[in-house]
PDB file of N, CA and C in Angstrom:
ATOM      1  N   UNK A   1     212.725 214.801  57.451  1.00  0.00           N
ATOM      2  CA  UNK A   1     213.931 214.558  58.227  1.00  0.00           C
ATOM      3  C   UNK A   1     213.537 213.945  59.548  1.00  0.00           C
ATOM      4  N   UNK A   2     214.179 212.861  59.914  1.00  0.00           N
ATOM      5  CA  UNK A   2     213.887 212.155  61.145  1.00  0.00           C
ATOM      6  C   UNK A   2     214.603 212.854  62.293  1.00  0.00           C
ATOM      7  N   UNK A   3     213.851 213.252  63.308  1.00  0.00           N
ATOM      8  CA  UNK A   3     214.440 213.986  64.427  1.00  0.00           C
ATOM      9  C   UNK A   3     215.087 213.061  65.442  1.00  0.00           C
ATOM     10  N   UNK A   4     214.757 211.785  65.453  1.00  0.00           N
ATOM     11  CA  UNK A   4     215.315 210.858  66.428  1.00  0.00           C
ATOM     12  C   UNK A   4     216.694 210.345  66.022  1.00  0.00           C
ATOM     13  N   UNK A   5     217.013 210.352  64.749  1.00  0.00           N
ATOM     14  CA  UNK A   5     218.295 209.874  64.264  1.00  0.00           C
ATOM     15  C   UNK A   5     219.287 211.029  64.244  1.00  0.00           C
ATOM     16  N   UNK A   6     220.512 210.820  64.779  1.00  0.00           N
ATOM     17  CA  UNK A   6     221.512 211.903  64.749  1.00  0.00           C
ATOM     18  C   UNK A   6     221.815 212.326  63.317  1.00  0.00           C
ATOM     19  N   UNK A   7     222.166 213.604  63.165  1.00  0.00           N
ATOM     20  CA  UNK A   7     222.413 214.187  61.846  1.00  0.00           C
ATOM     21  C   UNK A   7     223.555 213.483  61.119  1.00  0.00           C
ATOM     22  N   UNK A   8     224.656 213.175  61.815  1.00  0.00           N
ATOM     23  CA  UNK A   8     225.794 212.538  61.142  1.00  0.00           C
ATOM     24  C   UNK A   8     225.429 211.143  60.647  1.00  0.00           C
ATOM     25  N   UNK A   9     224.550 210.436  61.332  1.00  0.00           N
ATOM     26  CA  UNK A   9     224.135 209.117  60.878  1.00  0.00           C
ATOM     27  C   UNK A   9     223.247 209.227  59.645  1.00  0.00           C
ATOM     28  N   UNK A  10     222.400 210.274  59.582  1.00  0.00           N
ATOM     29  CA  UNK A  10     221.552 210.479  58.411  1.00  0.00           C
ATOM     30  C   UNK A  10     222.405 210.780  57.184  1.00  0.00           C
ATOM     31  N   UNK A  11     223.451 211.583  57.352  1.00  0.00           N
ATOM     32  CA  UNK A  11     224.326 211.921  56.234  1.00  0.00           C
ATOM     33  C   UNK A  11     225.063 210.687  55.739  1.00  0.00           C
ATOM     34  N   UNK A  12     225.502 209.795  56.664  1.00  0.00           N
ATOM     35  CA  UNK A  12     226.183 208.570  56.259  1.00  0.00           C
ATOM     36  C   UNK A  12     225.260 207.657  55.469  1.00  0.00           C
ATOM     37  N   UNK A  13     223.999 207.582  55.871  1.00  0.00           N
ATOM     38  CA  UNK A  13     223.039 206.738  55.165  1.00  0.00           C
ATOM     39  C   UNK A  13     222.777 207.272  53.761  1.00  0.00           C
ATOM     40  N   UNK A  14     222.733 208.592  53.602  1.00  0.00           N
ATOM     41  CA  UNK A  14     222.485 209.179  52.295  1.00  0.00           C
ATOM     42  C   UNK A  14     223.695 209.047  51.386  1.00  0.00           C
ATOM     43  N   UNK A  15     224.892 209.118  51.946  1.00  0.00           N
ATOM     44  CA  UNK A  15     226.107 209.089  51.141  1.00  0.00           C
ATOM     45  C   UNK A  15     226.516 207.668  50.746  1.00  0.00           C
ATOM     46  N   UNK A  16     226.003 206.661  51.443  1.00  0.00           N
ATOM     47  CA  UNK A  16     226.403 205.286  51.145  1.00  0.00           C
ATOM     48  C   UNK A  16     225.832 204.856  49.793  1.00  0.00           C
ATOM     49  N   UNK A  17     226.712 204.458  48.868  1.00  0.00           N
ATOM     50  CA  UNK A  17     226.214 204.029  47.554  1.00  0.00           C
ATOM     51  C   UNK A  17     225.550 202.658  47.649  1.00  0.00           C
ATOM     52  N   UNK A  18     224.597 202.427  46.770  1.00  0.00           N
ATOM     53  CA  UNK A  18     223.941 201.133  46.728  1.00  0.00           C
ATOM     54  C   UNK A  18     224.895 200.120  46.106  1.00  0.00           C
ATOM     55  N   UNK A  19     224.940 198.910  46.644  1.00  0.00           N
ATOM     56  CA  UNK A  19     225.811 197.907  46.023  1.00  0.00           C
ATOM     57  C   UNK A  19     225.274 197.528  44.646  1.00  0.00           C
ATOM     58  N   UNK A  20     226.135 197.541  43.667  1.00  0.00           N
ATOM     59  CA  UNK A  20     225.762 197.215  42.298  1.00  0.00           C
ATOM     60  C   UNK A  20     226.506 195.955  41.875  1.00  0.00           C
ATOM     61  N   UNK A  21     225.899 195.226  40.972  1.00  0.00           N
ATOM     62  CA  UNK A  21     226.637 194.100  40.433  1.00  0.00           C
ATOM     63  C   UNK A  21     227.647 194.645  39.443  1.00  0.00           C
ATOM     64  N   UNK A  22     228.801 193.993  39.312  1.00  0.00           N
ATOM     65  CA  UNK A  22     229.845 194.531  38.432  1.00  0.00           C
ATOM     66  C   UNK A  22     229.394 194.576  36.976  1.00  0.00           C
ATOM     67  N   UNK A  23     229.947 195.519  36.277  1.00  0.00           N
ATOM     68  CA  UNK A  23     229.672 195.651  34.844  1.00  0.00           C
ATOM     69  C   UNK A  23     230.263 194.459  34.109  1.00  0.00           C
ATOM     70  N   UNK A  24     229.762 194.168  32.928  1.00  0.00           N
ATOM     71  CA  UNK A  24     230.370 193.073  32.166  1.00  0.00           C
ATOM     72  C   UNK A  24     231.807 193.418  31.797  1.00  0.00           C
ATOM     73  N   UNK A  25     232.672 192.413  31.696  1.00  0.00           N
ATOM     74  CA  UNK A  25     234.070 192.710  31.343  1.00  0.00           C
ATOM     75  C   UNK A  25     234.172 193.268  29.925  1.00  0.00           C
ATOM     76  N   UNK A  26     235.107 194.181  29.747  1.00  0.00           N
ATOM     77  CA  UNK A  26     235.331 194.805  28.440  1.00  0.00           C
ATOM     78  C   UNK A  26     236.482 194.060  27.772  1.00  0.00           C
ATOM     79  N   UNK A  27     236.177 193.331  26.702  1.00  0.00           N
ATOM     80  CA  UNK A  27     237.213 192.550  26.025  1.00  0.00           C
ATOM     81  C   UNK A  27     237.768 193.263  24.795  1.00  0.00           C
ATOM     82  N   UNK A  28     237.072 194.270  24.299  1.00  0.00           N
ATOM     83  CA  UNK A  28     237.494 195.008  23.113  1.00  0.00           C
ATOM     84  C   UNK A  28     238.242 196.264  23.562  1.00  0.00           C
ATOM     85  N   UNK A  29     239.462 196.433  23.141  1.00  0.00           N
ATOM     86  CA  UNK A  29     240.267 197.580  23.597  1.00  0.00           C
ATOM     87  C   UNK A  29     239.696 198.911  23.126  1.00  0.00           C
ATOM     88  N   UNK A  30     239.026 198.920  21.973  1.00  0.00           N
ATOM     89  CA  UNK A  30     238.439 200.168  21.475  1.00  0.00           C
ATOM     90  C   UNK A  30     237.231 200.561  22.322  1.00  0.00           C
ATOM     91  N   UNK A  31     236.444 199.578  22.731  1.00  0.00           N
ATOM     92  CA  UNK A  31     235.316 199.833  23.625  1.00  0.00           C
ATOM     93  C   UNK A  31     235.820 200.319  24.978  1.00  0.00           C
ATOM     94  N   UNK A  32     236.919 199.728  25.465  1.00  0.00           N
ATOM     95  CA  UNK A  32     237.524 200.144  26.732  1.00  0.00           C
ATOM     96  C   UNK A  32     237.895 201.622  26.685  1.00  0.00           C
ATOM     97  N   UNK A  33     238.526 202.038  25.597  1.00  0.00           N
ATOM     98  CA  UNK A  33     238.948 203.435  25.454  1.00  0.00           C
ATOM     99  C   UNK A  33     237.729 204.364  25.416  1.00  0.00           C
ATOM    100  N   UNK A  34     236.686 203.967  24.684  1.00  0.00           N
ATOM    101  CA  UNK A  34     235.480 204.804  24.604  1.00  0.00           C
ATOM    102  C   UNK A  34     234.818 204.963  25.970  1.00  0.00           C
ATOM    103  N   UNK A  35     234.687 203.871  26.699  1.00  0.00           N
ATOM    104  CA  UNK A  35     234.049 203.926  28.023  1.00  0.00           C
ATOM    105  C   UNK A  35     234.887 204.765  28.977  1.00  0.00           C
ATOM    106  N   UNK A  36     236.202 204.549  28.981  1.00  0.00           N
ATOM    107  CA  UNK A  36     237.084 205.302  29.874  1.00  0.00           C
ATOM    108  C   UNK A  36     237.089 206.791  29.527  1.00  0.00           C
ATOM    109  N   UNK A  37     237.030 207.129  28.244  1.00  0.00           N
ATOM    110  CA  UNK A  37     237.023 208.540  27.835  1.00  0.00           C
ATOM    111  C   UNK A  37     235.745 209.230  28.304  1.00  0.00           C
ATOM    112  N   UNK A  38     234.609 208.552  28.162  1.00  0.00           N
ATOM    113  CA  UNK A  38     233.349 209.143  28.628  1.00  0.00           C
ATOM    114  C   UNK A  38     233.342 209.293  30.146  1.00  0.00           C
ATOM    115  N   UNK A  39     233.907 208.311  30.860  1.00  0.00           N
ATOM    116  CA  UNK A  39     233.963 208.395  32.325  1.00  0.00           C
ATOM    117  C   UNK A  39     234.927 209.507  32.749  1.00  0.00           C
ATOM    118  N   UNK A  40     236.046 209.678  32.059  1.00  0.00           N
ATOM    119  CA  UNK A  40     236.995 210.750  32.385  1.00  0.00           C
ATOM    120  C   UNK A  40     236.338 212.111  32.198  1.00  0.00           C
ATOM    121  N   UNK A  41     235.522 212.227  31.182  1.00  0.00           N
ATOM    122  CA  UNK A  41     234.790 213.476  30.955  1.00  0.00           C
ATOM    123  C   UNK A  41     233.859 213.768  32.134  1.00  0.00           C
ATOM    124  N   UNK A  42     233.179 212.733  32.627  1.00  0.00           N
ATOM    125  CA  UNK A  42     232.309 212.903  33.794  1.00  0.00           C
ATOM    126  C   UNK A  42     233.129 213.337  35.009  1.00  0.00           C
ATOM    127  N   UNK A  43     234.292 212.725  35.209  1.00  0.00           N
ATOM    128  CA  UNK A  43     235.139 213.069  36.357  1.00  0.00           C
ATOM    129  C   UNK A  43     235.634 214.505  36.268  1.00  0.00           C
ATOM    130  N   UNK A  44     236.032 214.943  35.071  1.00  0.00           N
ATOM    131  CA  UNK A  44     236.498 216.330  34.908  1.00  0.00           C
ATOM    132  C   UNK A  44     235.386 217.334  35.168  1.00  0.00           C
ATOM    133  N   UNK A  45     234.140 216.929  34.940  1.00  0.00           N
ATOM    134  CA  UNK A  45     233.005 217.816  35.174  1.00  0.00           C
ATOM    135  C   UNK A  45     232.497 217.763  36.610  1.00  0.00           C
ATOM    136  N   UNK A  46     233.164 216.988  37.469  1.00  0.00           N
ATOM    137  CA  UNK A  46     232.826 217.017  38.887  1.00  0.00           C
ATOM    138  C   UNK A  46     232.234 215.749  39.464  1.00  0.00           C
ATOM    139  N   UNK A  47     232.120 214.671  38.700  1.00  0.00           N
ATOM    140  CA  UNK A  47     231.596 213.418  39.246  1.00  0.00           C
ATOM    141  C   UNK A  47     232.579 212.859  40.270  1.00  0.00           C
ATOM    142  N   UNK A  48     232.052 212.166  41.245  1.00  0.00           N
ATOM    143  CA  UNK A  48     232.906 211.578  42.278  1.00  0.00           C
ATOM    144  C   UNK A  48     233.516 210.276  41.776  1.00  0.00           C
ATOM    145  N   UNK A  49     234.800 210.056  42.084  1.00  0.00           N
ATOM    146  CA  UNK A  49     235.434 208.788  41.699  1.00  0.00           C
ATOM    147  C   UNK A  49     234.800 207.622  42.446  1.00  0.00           C
ATOM    148  N   UNK A  50     234.727 206.475  41.800  1.00  0.00           N
ATOM    149  CA  UNK A  50     234.155 205.280  42.413  1.00  0.00           C
ATOM    150  C   UNK A  50     235.217 204.422  43.077  1.00  0.00           C
ATOM    151  N   UNK A  51     236.467 204.823  42.973  1.00  0.00           N
ATOM    152  CA  UNK A  51     237.561 204.097  43.609  1.00  0.00           C
ATOM    153  C   UNK A  51     237.675 204.510  45.059  1.00  0.00           C
ATOM    154  N   UNK A  52     238.027 203.556  45.920  1.00  0.00           N
ATOM    155  CA  UNK A  52     238.296 203.920  47.311  1.00  0.00           C
ATOM    156  C   UNK A  52     239.694 204.529  47.388  1.00  0.00           C
ATOM    157  N   UNK A  53     239.927 205.449  48.309  1.00  0.00           N
ATOM    158  CA  UNK A  53     241.215 206.162  48.350  1.00  0.00           C
ATOM    159  C   UNK A  53     242.368 205.331  48.895  1.00  0.00           C
ATOM    160  N   UNK A  54     242.112 204.117  49.398  1.00  0.00           N
ATOM    161  CA  UNK A  54     243.194 203.301  49.939  1.00  0.00           C
ATOM    162  C   UNK A  54     243.988 202.659  48.807  1.00  0.00           C
ATOM    163  N   UNK A  55     245.274 202.417  49.016  1.00  0.00           N
ATOM    164  CA  UNK A  55     246.081 201.777  47.968  1.00  0.00           C
ATOM    165  C   UNK A  55     245.546 200.392  47.620  1.00  0.00           C
ATOM    166  N   UNK A  56     245.604 200.037  46.353  1.00  0.00           N
ATOM    167  CA  UNK A  56     245.119 198.747  45.880  1.00  0.00           C
ATOM    168  C   UNK A  56     246.302 197.903  45.434  1.00  0.00           C
ATOM    169  N   UNK A  57     246.463 196.729  46.025  1.00  0.00           N
ATOM    170  CA  UNK A  57     247.562 195.815  45.711  1.00  0.00           C
ATOM    171  C   UNK A  57     248.916 196.497  45.847  1.00  0.00           C
ATOM    172  N   UNK A  58     249.052 197.357  46.843  1.00  0.00           N
ATOM    173  CA  UNK A  58     250.319 198.015  47.102  1.00  0.00           C
ATOM    174  C   UNK A  58     250.619 199.212  46.235  1.00  0.00           C
ATOM    175  N   UNK A  59     249.712 199.573  45.311  1.00  0.00           N
ATOM    176  CA  UNK A  59     249.929 200.708  44.422  1.00  0.00           C
ATOM    177  C   UNK A  59     249.053 201.870  44.848  1.00  0.00           C
ATOM    178  N   UNK A  60     249.578 203.104  44.847  1.00  0.00           N
ATOM    179  CA  UNK A  60     248.740 204.258  45.184  1.00  0.00           C
ATOM    180  C   UNK A  60     247.693 204.507  44.105  1.00  0.00           C
ATOM    181  N   UNK A  61     246.615 205.156  44.484  1.00  0.00           N
ATOM    182  CA  UNK A  61     245.536 205.443  43.533  1.00  0.00           C
ATOM    183  C   UNK A  61     245.953 206.567  42.590  1.00  0.00           C
ATOM    184  N   UNK A  62     245.522 206.494  41.328  1.00  0.00           N
ATOM    185  CA  UNK A  62     245.863 207.565  40.374  1.00  0.00           C
ATOM    186  C   UNK A  62     245.103 208.851  40.703  1.00  0.00           C
ATOM    187  N   UNK A  63     245.630 209.980  40.226  1.00  0.00           N
ATOM    188  CA  UNK A  63     245.004 211.277  40.483  1.00  0.00           C
ATOM    189  C   UNK A  63     244.395 211.895  39.230  1.00  0.00           C
ATOM    190  N   UNK A  64     244.968 211.627  38.079  1.00  0.00           N
ATOM    191  CA  UNK A  64     244.457 212.211  36.844  1.00  0.00           C
ATOM    192  C   UNK A  64     243.136 211.549  36.467  1.00  0.00           C
ATOM    193  N   UNK A  65     242.220 212.340  35.913  1.00  0.00           N
ATOM    194  CA  UNK A  65     240.886 211.843  35.574  1.00  0.00           C
ATOM    195  C   UNK A  65     240.943 210.667  34.604  1.00  0.00           C
ATOM    196  N   UNK A  66     241.854 210.710  33.644  1.00  0.00           N
ATOM    197  CA  UNK A  66     241.949 209.651  32.655  1.00  0.00           C
ATOM    198  C   UNK A  66     242.394 208.342  33.294  1.00  0.00           C
ATOM    199  N   UNK A  67     243.376 208.419  34.186  1.00  0.00           N
ATOM    200  CA  UNK A  67     243.878 207.223  34.862  1.00  0.00           C
ATOM    201  C   UNK A  67     242.831 206.658  35.821  1.00  0.00           C
ATOM    202  N   UNK A  68     242.128 207.540  36.529  1.00  0.00           N
ATOM    203  CA  UNK A  68     241.061 207.096  37.428  1.00  0.00           C
ATOM    204  C   UNK A  68     239.979 206.385  36.624  1.00  0.00           C
ATOM    205  N   UNK A  69     239.596 206.959  35.492  1.00  0.00           N
ATOM    206  CA  UNK A  69     238.559 206.363  34.650  1.00  0.00           C
ATOM    207  C   UNK A  69     238.996 204.997  34.131  1.00  0.00           C
ATOM    208  N   UNK A  70     240.238 204.872  33.674  1.00  0.00           N
ATOM    209  CA  UNK A  70     240.710 203.577  33.180  1.00  0.00           C
ATOM    210  C   UNK A  70     240.719 202.529  34.288  1.00  0.00           C
ATOM    211  N   UNK A  71     241.106 202.923  35.483  1.00  0.00           N
ATOM    212  CA  UNK A  71     241.128 201.982  36.604  1.00  0.00           C
ATOM    213  C   UNK A  71     239.707 201.571  36.996  1.00  0.00           C
ATOM    214  N   UNK A  72     238.769 202.512  36.956  1.00  0.00           N
ATOM    215  CA  UNK A  72     237.376 202.183  37.259  1.00  0.00           C
ATOM    216  C   UNK A  72     236.812 201.192  36.241  1.00  0.00           C
ATOM    217  N   UNK A  73     237.122 201.387  34.973  1.00  0.00           N
ATOM    218  CA  UNK A  73     236.640 200.466  33.935  1.00  0.00           C
ATOM    219  C   UNK A  73     237.309 199.107  34.114  1.00  0.00           C
ATOM    220  N   UNK A  74     238.592 199.094  34.418  1.00  0.00           N
ATOM    221  CA  UNK A  74     239.317 197.837  34.607  1.00  0.00           C
ATOM    222  C   UNK A  74     238.739 197.036  35.766  1.00  0.00           C
ATOM    223  N   UNK A  75     238.340 197.727  36.834  1.00  0.00           N
ATOM    224  CA  UNK A  75     237.755 197.059  38.009  1.00  0.00           C
ATOM    225  C   UNK A  75     236.254 196.808  37.863  1.00  0.00           C
ATOM    226  N   UNK A  76     235.706 197.131  36.696  1.00  0.00           N
ATOM    227  CA  UNK A  76     234.297 196.890  36.376  1.00  0.00           C
ATOM    228  C   UNK A  76     233.353 197.682  37.284  1.00  0.00           C
ATOM    229  N   UNK A  77     233.715 198.945  37.563  1.00  0.00           N
ATOM    230  CA  UNK A  77     232.892 199.829  38.393  1.00  0.00           C
ATOM    231  C   UNK A  77     232.014 200.751  37.556  1.00  0.00           C
ATOM    232  N   UNK A  78     232.216 200.774  36.245  1.00  0.00           N
ATOM    233  CA  UNK A  78     231.475 201.670  35.354  1.00  0.00           C
ATOM    234  C   UNK A  78     230.469 200.855  34.559  1.00  0.00           C
ATOM    235  N   UNK A  79     229.196 201.196  34.706  1.00  0.00           N
ATOM    236  CA  UNK A  79     228.134 200.519  33.955  1.00  0.00           C
ATOM    237  C   UNK A  79     228.034 201.156  32.566  1.00  0.00           C
ATOM    238  N   UNK A  80     227.738 200.353  31.546  1.00  0.00           N
ATOM    239  CA  UNK A  80     227.608 200.874  30.191  1.00  0.00           C
ATOM    240  C   UNK A  80     226.585 200.050  29.425  1.00  0.00           C
ATOM    241  N   UNK A  81     226.008 200.650  28.407  1.00  0.00           N
ATOM    242  CA  UNK A  81     225.057 199.985  27.520  1.00  0.00           C
ATOM    243  C   UNK A  81     225.608 200.036  26.101  1.00  0.00           C
ATOM    244  N   UNK A  82     225.416 198.963  25.378  1.00  0.00           N
ATOM    245  CA  UNK A  82     225.814 198.920  23.976  1.00  0.00           C
ATOM    246  C   UNK A  82     224.562 198.998  23.107  1.00  0.00           C
ATOM    247  N   UNK A  83     224.612 199.753  22.016  1.00  0.00           N
ATOM    248  CA  UNK A  83     223.452 199.786  21.112  1.00  0.00           C
ATOM    249  C   UNK A  83     223.303 198.430  20.430  1.00  0.00           C
ATOM    250  N   UNK A  84     222.085 198.085  20.029  1.00  0.00           N
ATOM    251  CA  UNK A  84     221.917 196.802  19.330  1.00  0.00           C
ATOM    252  C   UNK A  84     222.656 196.830  17.996  1.00  0.00           C
ATOM    253  N   UNK A  85     223.245 195.699  17.640  1.00  0.00           N
ATOM    254  CA  UNK A  85     224.001 195.652  16.392  1.00  0.00           C
ATOM    255  C   UNK A  85     223.060 195.503  15.210  1.00  0.00           C
ATOM    256  N   UNK A  86     223.444 196.126  14.111  1.00  0.00           N
ATOM    257  CA  UNK A  86     222.657 196.064  12.880  1.00  0.00           C
ATOM    258  C   UNK A  86     223.158 194.911  12.023  1.00  0.00           C
ATOM    259  N   UNK A  87     222.269 194.361  11.228  1.00  0.00           N
ATOM    260  CA  UNK A  87     222.664 193.296  10.319  1.00  0.00           C
ATOM    261  C   UNK A  87     223.544 193.876   9.223  1.00  0.00           C
ATOM    262  N   UNK A  88     224.628 193.197   8.865  1.00  0.00           N
ATOM    263  CA  UNK A  88     225.511 193.722   7.807  1.00  0.00           C
ATOM    264  C   UNK A  88     224.838 193.663   6.446  1.00  0.00           C
ATOM    265  N   UNK A  89     225.164 194.635   5.600  1.00  0.00           N
ATOM    266  CA  UNK A  89     224.661 194.674   4.227  1.00  0.00           C
ATOM    267  C   UNK A  89     225.654 193.918   3.350  1.00  0.00           C
ATOM    268  N   UNK A  90     225.178 192.915   2.624  1.00  0.00           N
ATOM    269  CA  UNK A  90     226.054 192.071   1.817  1.00  0.00           C
ATOM    270  C   UNK A  90     226.594 192.828   0.601  1.00  0.00           C
ATOM    271  N   UNK A  91     225.719 193.516  -0.110  1.00  0.00           N
ATOM    272  CA  UNK A  91     226.136 194.223  -1.318  1.00  0.00           C
ATOM    273  C   UNK A  91     225.674 195.674  -1.197  1.00  0.00           C
ATOM    274  N   UNK A  92     226.586 196.596  -1.214  1.00  0.00           N
ATOM    275  CA  UNK A  92     226.251 198.007  -1.028  1.00  0.00           C
ATOM    276  C   UNK A  92     225.414 198.531  -2.204  1.00  0.00           C
ATOM    277  N   UNK A  93     225.714 198.086  -3.413  1.00  0.00           N
ATOM    278  CA  UNK A  93     224.976 198.590  -4.591  1.00  0.00           C
ATOM    279  C   UNK A  93     223.520 198.153  -4.598  1.00  0.00           C
ATOM    280  N   UNK A  94     223.258 196.889  -4.292  1.00  0.00           N
ATOM    281  CA  UNK A  94     221.874 196.387  -4.342  1.00  0.00           C
ATOM    282  C   UNK A  94     221.195 196.449  -2.983  1.00  0.00           C
ATOM    283  N   UNK A  95     221.970 196.520  -1.898  1.00  0.00           N
ATOM    284  CA  UNK A  95     221.387 196.567  -0.564  1.00  0.00           C
ATOM    285  C   UNK A  95     220.911 195.214  -0.075  1.00  0.00           C
ATOM    286  N   UNK A  96     221.304 194.139  -0.740  1.00  0.00           N
ATOM    287  CA  UNK A  96     220.868 192.794  -0.354  1.00  0.00           C
ATOM    288  C   UNK A  96     222.019 192.017   0.208  1.00  0.00           C
TER     289      UNK A  96
END
C-alpha cells in the first residue's frame, strides 16, 4: 500500500475497470438468449452490472437481472467464447 497516495484515490484506481474492446455482435437470437441467461445468473449471484446507472437515450436503466443482462449483451458489454464447430456427418449409418 502506497502511503503517499490518499486512500480514496487508491480505492478509485482499484475500482476502475480496464477498458475492453466490445464483444462481437450477436446475430443469432438463440445465442443472444444463451449469453443473456448466463449473464443473468452471474448477476443474481452477486456480480456487478456493467451498465452505468445514468439513463440511456432517455430511458431508465432496468432493475431485474434478466433485463440488465439483455441490455448488457445488446450493448456488447459481455464477452463470450464459442466452441469450435464440428464437421457435419453426411450419413449417420455409415458415418461418412
